[in-house]
Amino acid sequence: MTSASRTLLLRHRPALNRQVSRLPIYIGVTIIAVLVLYPFVFMLSTALRESTILRFSPWDLVPSDVTLANFHRLFSDTSMLNWLGNSMFVATTTALLKVGIDSLAGYAFARLQFKFKELIFLLLIAAMMVPPAVTIVPRFLLLRDIGLINTPWALILPHLSYPLGVFLMRQAMATIPYELEEAAKLDGCSVFTIYWRIVLPLVAPALAVVVITTFMYQWVDLLWPVVAITNDGLKTVTVGISSMKAEQSRADWGLIMAANTCAMIPIGMLFVFCQRYFMTGMTSGSLK
């Protein structure tokens, strides 16, 4: 080995040692990524096969004869479009209403002073510990008495009371310097103007976290829609896909996997387009 080669090796040895030390991390991350992605790849592979082919190797992820017959039958023989529309309305309306309500409540807890503020916030935190399944019967009886069962509002209103979004918004707004608020007051801004024009733009990542998590929770929720909705025309996509299997004497897995693939597209697109805001909100103090 020449002196030049030896010098070059010594110069790059620290970087090489760092790469070698990180090799187990890279291998572990790769294994986790494969385990996470495999069910989705298997689902898409099943959706693109003939429904008569029910048995194939779990490692045979590339179908020999790709077909869109399952997707054609899905939209021609089922109410998939109606289910997607119902889920989109419920999830979008809930996300918009919840981000408005939670941001207002978070601003009040973070920036305003009023009696029993700490006690009320403590009760909200305690309410986060109550499993949603425990409140199913009281929710159903309340909504039945006011005539909202079998309406989209039966799916929207209960979720607006979940306190997680208030906690996230309060934590994010508490990090904003009070000097900005004092300067706005000197300029004659009202409380609502400060909230709307100063605070909200500064907590945009936290708003994105609330919107994404609310939309995804509503989109994939199954237990409460099964209880609150019995009208076929108001079924959400999760209830519709579940009923497809229940109504068939023999599960048509090709059709079901095609429905699952279509149901994943909206939340996948939402996360892809809002990923930057979501990750910023998760790391900027909104979850600390």
Protein backbone atom coordinates (compact mmCIF):
# COMPACT_ATOMS: atom_id res chain seq x y z
CA MET A 1 0.00 0.00 0.00
CA THR A 2 1.40 3.34 -1.03
CA SER A 3 1.74 6.23 1.37
CA ALA A 4 -0.98 8.14 -0.52
CA SER A 5 -3.44 5.24 -0.17
CA ARG A 6 -2.61 4.88 3.51
CA THR A 7 -3.18 8.59 4.08
CA LEU A 8 -6.51 8.47 2.23
CA LEU A 9 -7.64 5.46 4.28
CA LEU A 10 -6.71 7.12 7.56
CA ARG A 11 -8.54 10.27 6.50
CA HIS A 12 -11.80 8.44 5.75
CA ARG A 13 -11.59 5.89 8.58
CA PRO A 14 -13.75 7.88 11.07
CA ALA A 15 -16.57 8.20 8.53
CA LEU A 16 -16.25 4.51 7.65
CA ASN A 17 -16.35 3.54 11.32
CA ARG A 18 -19.50 5.61 11.81
CA GLN A 19 -21.20 3.90 8.87
CA VAL A 20 -20.24 0.46 10.19
CA SER A 21 -21.51 1.31 13.68
CA ARG A 22 -24.83 2.41 12.21
CA LEU A 23 -25.24 -0.75 10.15
CA PRO A 24 -27.40 -2.55 12.79
CA ILE A 25 -29.69 0.50 12.88
CA TYR A 26 -30.08 0.46 9.10
CA ILE A 27 -30.83 -3.27 9.14
CA GLY A 28 -33.40 -2.85 11.93
CA VAL A 29 -35.13 0.05 10.16
CA THR A 30 -35.23 -1.95 6.92
CA ILE A 31 -36.81 -4.94 8.66
CA ILE A 32 -39.44 -2.74 10.33
CA ALA A 33 -40.22 -1.02 7.01
CA VAL A 34 -40.71 -4.40 5.30
CA LEU A 35 -43.00 -5.62 8.09
CA VAL A 36 -45.08 -2.42 7.90
CA LEU A 37 -45.35 -2.32 4.11
CA TYR A 38 -45.94 -6.03 3.50
CA PRO A 39 -49.68 -6.09 4.47
CA PHE A 40 -50.40 -3.18 2.10
CA VAL A 41 -48.50 -4.79 -0.77
CA PHE A 42 -50.29 -8.10 -0.11
CA MET A 43 -53.65 -6.30 -0.06
CA LEU A 44 -53.00 -4.63 -3.42
CA SER A 45 -51.71 -7.89 -4.88
CA THR A 46 -54.90 -9.69 -3.84
CA ALA A 47 -57.08 -6.90 -5.25
CA LEU A 48 -55.39 -7.25 -8.64
CA ARG A 49 -56.02 -11.01 -8.91
CA GLU A 50 -59.05 -12.93 -10.08
CA SER A 51 -61.37 -13.63 -7.15
CA THR A 52 -61.37 -17.32 -8.10
CA ILE A 53 -57.68 -17.50 -7.15
CA LEU A 54 -58.01 -17.77 -3.38
CA ARG A 55 -54.88 -19.74 -2.60
CA PHE A 56 -51.43 -18.49 -3.47
CA SER A 57 -48.09 -18.17 -1.74
CA PRO A 58 -47.81 -15.23 0.66
CA TRP A 59 -44.50 -14.42 -1.05
CA ASP A 60 -46.07 -14.36 -4.49
CA LEU A 61 -46.77 -10.64 -4.42
CA VAL A 62 -46.71 -10.05 -8.18
CA PRO A 63 -49.80 -11.58 -9.84
CA SER A 64 -49.16 -13.30 -13.15
CA ASP A 65 -52.33 -11.89 -14.71
CA VAL A 66 -53.11 -8.40 -13.41
CA THR A 67 -56.82 -7.55 -13.63
CA LEU A 68 -59.02 -4.65 -12.58
CA ALA A 69 -62.15 -6.80 -12.52
CA ASN A 70 -62.45 -6.53 -8.74
CA PHE A 71 -62.43 -2.74 -8.88
CA HIS A 72 -65.00 -2.76 -11.70
CA ARG A 73 -67.31 -5.03 -9.69
CA LEU A 74 -66.73 -2.92 -6.59
CA PHE A 75 -68.12 0.26 -8.16
CA SER A 76 -70.82 -1.45 -10.24
CA ASP A 77 -72.21 -4.00 -7.78
CA THR A 78 -71.80 -2.20 -4.44
CA SER A 79 -72.48 1.26 -2.99
CA MET A 80 -68.78 2.06 -2.63
CA LEU A 81 -69.07 5.57 -4.04
CA ASN A 82 -71.88 6.37 -1.61
CA TRP A 83 -69.86 4.97 1.30
CA LEU A 84 -66.82 7.03 0.32
CA GLY A 85 -68.96 10.15 0.02
CA ASN A 86 -70.50 9.61 3.46
CA SER A 87 -67.09 9.06 5.05
CA MET A 88 -65.64 12.09 3.31
CA PHE A 89 -68.46 14.34 4.53
CA VAL A 90 -68.29 13.06 8.11
CA ALA A 91 -64.49 13.12 8.38
CA THR A 92 -64.06 16.53 6.70
CA THR A 93 -66.85 18.21 8.67
CA THR A 94 -65.60 16.77 11.95
CA ALA A 95 -62.00 17.83 11.27
CA LEU A 96 -62.98 21.41 10.38
CA LEU A 97 -65.33 21.86 13.33
CA LYS A 98 -62.92 20.24 15.75
CA VAL A 99 -59.92 22.31 14.75
CA GLY A 100 -62.01 25.46 15.22
CA ILE A 101 -63.40 24.45 18.61
CA ASP A 102 -60.11 23.05 19.92
CA SER A 103 -58.08 26.06 18.82
CA LEU A 104 -60.49 28.43 20.57
CA ALA A 105 -60.44 26.33 23.75
CA GLY A 106 -56.66 25.94 23.57
CA TYR A 107 -56.25 29.70 23.23
CA ALA A 108 -58.45 30.30 26.26
CA PHE A 109 -56.47 27.85 28.40
CA ALA A 110 -53.06 29.08 27.18
CA ARG A 111 -53.49 32.86 26.98
CA LEU A 112 -56.53 33.96 29.02
CA GLN A 113 -57.11 34.14 32.75
CA PHE A 114 -60.39 33.03 34.31
CA LYS A 115 -61.62 31.28 37.43
CA PHE A 116 -61.00 27.57 37.87
CA LYS A 117 -58.93 27.44 34.68
CA GLU A 118 -56.46 24.91 36.05
CA LEU A 119 -59.22 22.76 37.54
CA ILE A 120 -61.18 22.66 34.29
CA PHE A 121 -58.04 21.81 32.33
CA LEU A 122 -57.23 19.06 34.81
CA LEU A 123 -60.71 17.60 34.29
CA LEU A 124 -60.12 17.66 30.53
CA ILE A 125 -56.88 15.76 30.97
CA ALA A 126 -58.68 13.24 33.17
CA ALA A 127 -61.36 12.81 30.49
CA MET A 128 -58.62 11.70 28.07
CA MET A 129 -58.14 8.62 30.24
CA VAL A 130 -61.74 7.43 29.71
CA PRO A 131 -61.95 4.81 26.92
CA PRO A 132 -64.42 5.87 24.19
CA ALA A 133 -66.12 2.47 24.38
CA VAL A 134 -67.28 3.27 27.93
CA THR A 135 -69.40 6.17 26.68
CA ILE A 136 -71.13 4.34 23.81
CA VAL A 137 -74.39 3.66 25.67
CA PRO A 138 -74.77 7.19 27.14
CA ARG A 139 -73.97 8.71 23.74
CA PHE A 140 -76.51 6.52 22.00
CA LEU A 141 -79.27 7.29 24.51
CA LEU A 142 -78.57 11.03 24.36
CA LEU A 143 -78.54 11.20 20.57
CA ARG A 144 -81.63 9.00 20.35
CA ASP A 145 -83.55 11.30 22.68
CA ILE A 146 -82.75 14.36 20.56
CA GLY A 147 -83.50 12.53 17.30
CA LEU A 148 -80.02 12.40 15.76
CA ILE A 149 -79.59 8.64 15.43
CA ASN A 150 -79.34 7.60 11.77
CA THR A 151 -78.07 11.03 10.73
CA PRO A 152 -74.51 12.10 9.87
CA TRP A 153 -74.52 14.35 12.95
CA ALA A 154 -74.65 11.27 15.13
CA LEU A 155 -71.13 10.53 13.90
CA ILE A 156 -69.87 14.12 13.96
CA LEU A 157 -71.03 15.63 17.27
CA PRO A 158 -69.69 13.02 19.75
CA HIS A 159 -66.16 13.30 18.43
CA LEU A 160 -66.11 17.07 18.93
CA SER A 161 -66.03 16.51 22.69
CA TYR A 162 -62.77 14.51 22.72
CA PRO A 163 -60.23 16.66 24.65
CA LEU A 164 -56.98 15.56 22.98
CA GLY A 165 -57.09 18.38 20.43
CA VAL A 166 -57.62 20.98 23.18
CA PHE A 167 -54.53 19.66 24.97
CA LEU A 168 -52.42 19.82 21.80
CA MET A 169 -53.52 23.34 20.95
CA ARG A 170 -53.01 24.59 24.50
CA GLN A 171 -49.47 23.18 24.60
CA ALA A 172 -48.60 24.72 21.23
CA MET A 173 -50.07 28.15 22.04
CA ALA A 174 -48.35 28.26 25.43
CA THR A 175 -44.96 28.41 23.68
CA ILE A 176 -45.75 31.72 21.91
CA PRO A 177 -43.97 34.71 23.55
CA TYR A 178 -46.31 37.01 25.44
CA GLU A 179 -44.47 40.02 24.01
CA LEU A 180 -46.24 39.47 20.67
CA GLU A 181 -49.60 39.56 22.40
CA GLU A 182 -48.70 42.67 24.37
CA ALA A 183 -47.55 44.45 21.21
CA ALA A 184 -50.80 43.57 19.46
CA LYS A 185 -52.81 44.95 22.39
CA LEU A 186 -50.89 48.22 22.19
CA ASP A 187 -51.89 48.40 18.52
CA GLY A 188 -55.54 48.10 19.53
CA CYS A 189 -56.13 44.45 18.57
CA SER A 190 -59.00 42.65 20.26
CA VAL A 191 -58.66 39.22 21.83
CA PHE A 192 -60.21 37.52 18.80
CA THR A 193 -57.96 39.47 16.41
CA ILE A 194 -54.88 38.32 18.33
CA TYR A 195 -56.14 34.75 18.21
CA TRP A 196 -57.00 34.87 14.50
CA ARG A 197 -54.17 36.94 13.01
CA ILE A 198 -51.23 36.26 15.34
CA VAL A 199 -51.63 33.01 17.28
CA LEU A 200 -53.19 30.74 14.65
CA PRO A 201 -50.53 31.33 11.96
CA LEU A 202 -47.81 30.52 14.50
CA VAL A 203 -49.37 27.17 15.45
CA ALA A 204 -50.16 25.99 11.91
CA PRO A 205 -48.24 22.68 12.40
CA ALA A 206 -50.29 21.89 15.51
CA LEU A 207 -53.48 22.68 13.57
CA ALA A 208 -52.35 20.21 10.92
CA VAL A 209 -51.83 17.53 13.58
CA VAL A 210 -55.38 18.01 14.87
CA VAL A 211 -56.88 17.96 11.37
CA ILE A 212 -54.99 14.85 10.25
CA THR A 213 -55.58 12.83 13.41
CA THR A 214 -59.27 13.77 13.54
CA PHE A 215 -59.81 12.96 9.85
CA MET A 216 -58.02 9.62 10.13
CA TYR A 217 -59.86 8.62 13.30
CA GLN A 218 -63.24 9.38 11.75
CA TRP A 219 -62.31 7.67 8.49
CA VAL A 220 -61.32 4.35 10.11
CA ASP A 221 -63.82 4.33 12.98
CA LEU A 222 -66.08 1.27 12.90
CA LEU A 223 -67.57 0.62 16.35
CA TRP A 224 -69.56 3.85 16.79
CA PRO A 225 -70.90 4.04 13.18
CA VAL A 226 -72.19 0.47 13.53
CA VAL A 227 -74.11 1.52 16.64
CA ALA A 228 -75.36 4.92 15.47
CA ILE A 229 -76.17 4.19 11.80
CA THR A 230 -78.51 1.47 10.58
CA ASN A 231 -79.69 3.17 7.38
CA ASP A 232 -77.90 1.63 4.39
CA GLY A 233 -77.76 4.98 2.62
CA LEU A 234 -75.74 6.53 5.46
CA LYS A 235 -73.12 3.81 5.89
CA THR A 236 -69.51 4.92 6.04
CA VAL A 237 -66.80 3.11 4.14
CA THR A 238 -65.67 1.03 7.12
CA VAL A 239 -69.22 -0.14 7.85
CA GLY A 240 -69.83 -0.82 4.17
CA ILE A 241 -66.72 -2.98 3.81
CA SER A 242 -67.58 -4.84 7.00
CA SER A 243 -71.09 -5.52 5.73
CA MET A 244 -69.70 -6.88 2.45
CA LYS A 245 -68.10 -9.76 4.29
CA ALA A 246 -71.11 -10.32 6.55
CA GLU A 247 -73.56 -10.48 3.65
CA GLN A 248 -71.55 -13.03 1.66
CA SER A 249 -71.77 -16.73 2.37
CA ARG A 250 -68.16 -17.00 1.18
CA ALA A 251 -65.88 -14.00 1.51
CA ASP A 252 -64.87 -12.52 -1.84
CA TRP A 253 -61.39 -11.48 -0.80
CA GLY A 254 -60.53 -9.93 -4.14
CA LEU A 255 -63.52 -7.60 -3.88
CA ILE A 256 -62.87 -6.85 -0.21
CA MET A 257 -59.19 -6.07 -0.80
CA ALA A 258 -60.14 -3.79 -3.69
CA ALA A 259 -62.49 -1.93 -1.35
CA ASN A 260 -59.77 -1.65 1.30
CA THR A 261 -57.36 -0.29 -1.30
CA CYS A 262 -59.83 2.41 -2.35
CA ALA A 263 -60.55 3.27 1.28
CA MET A 264 -56.83 3.84 1.95
CA ILE A 265 -56.31 6.34 -0.86
CA PRO A 266 -57.85 9.46 0.82
CA ILE A 267 -55.99 9.13 4.12
CA GLY A 268 -52.80 8.22 2.28
CA MET A 269 -53.04 11.34 0.13
CA LEU A 270 -53.86 13.49 3.16
CA PHE A 271 -50.78 12.30 5.02
CA VAL A 272 -48.50 12.66 1.98
CA PHE A 273 -49.56 16.26 1.29
CA CYS A 274 -49.58 17.28 4.97
CA GLN A 275 -46.60 15.23 6.13
CA ARG A 276 -44.31 18.24 6.49
CA TYR A 277 -46.79 20.06 8.75
CA PHE A 278 -47.60 16.87 10.65
CA MET A 279 -43.96 16.08 11.46
CA THR A 280 -43.26 19.70 12.41
CA GLY A 281 -46.26 19.74 14.72
CA MET A 282 -45.20 16.50 16.33
CA THR A 283 -41.73 17.85 17.12
CA SER A 284 -42.31 21.57 17.79
CA GLY A 285 -43.83 21.20 21.23
CA SER A 286 -47.45 20.38 20.46
CA LEU A 287 -47.02 16.90 21.96
CA LYS A 288 -44.60 17.79 24.74
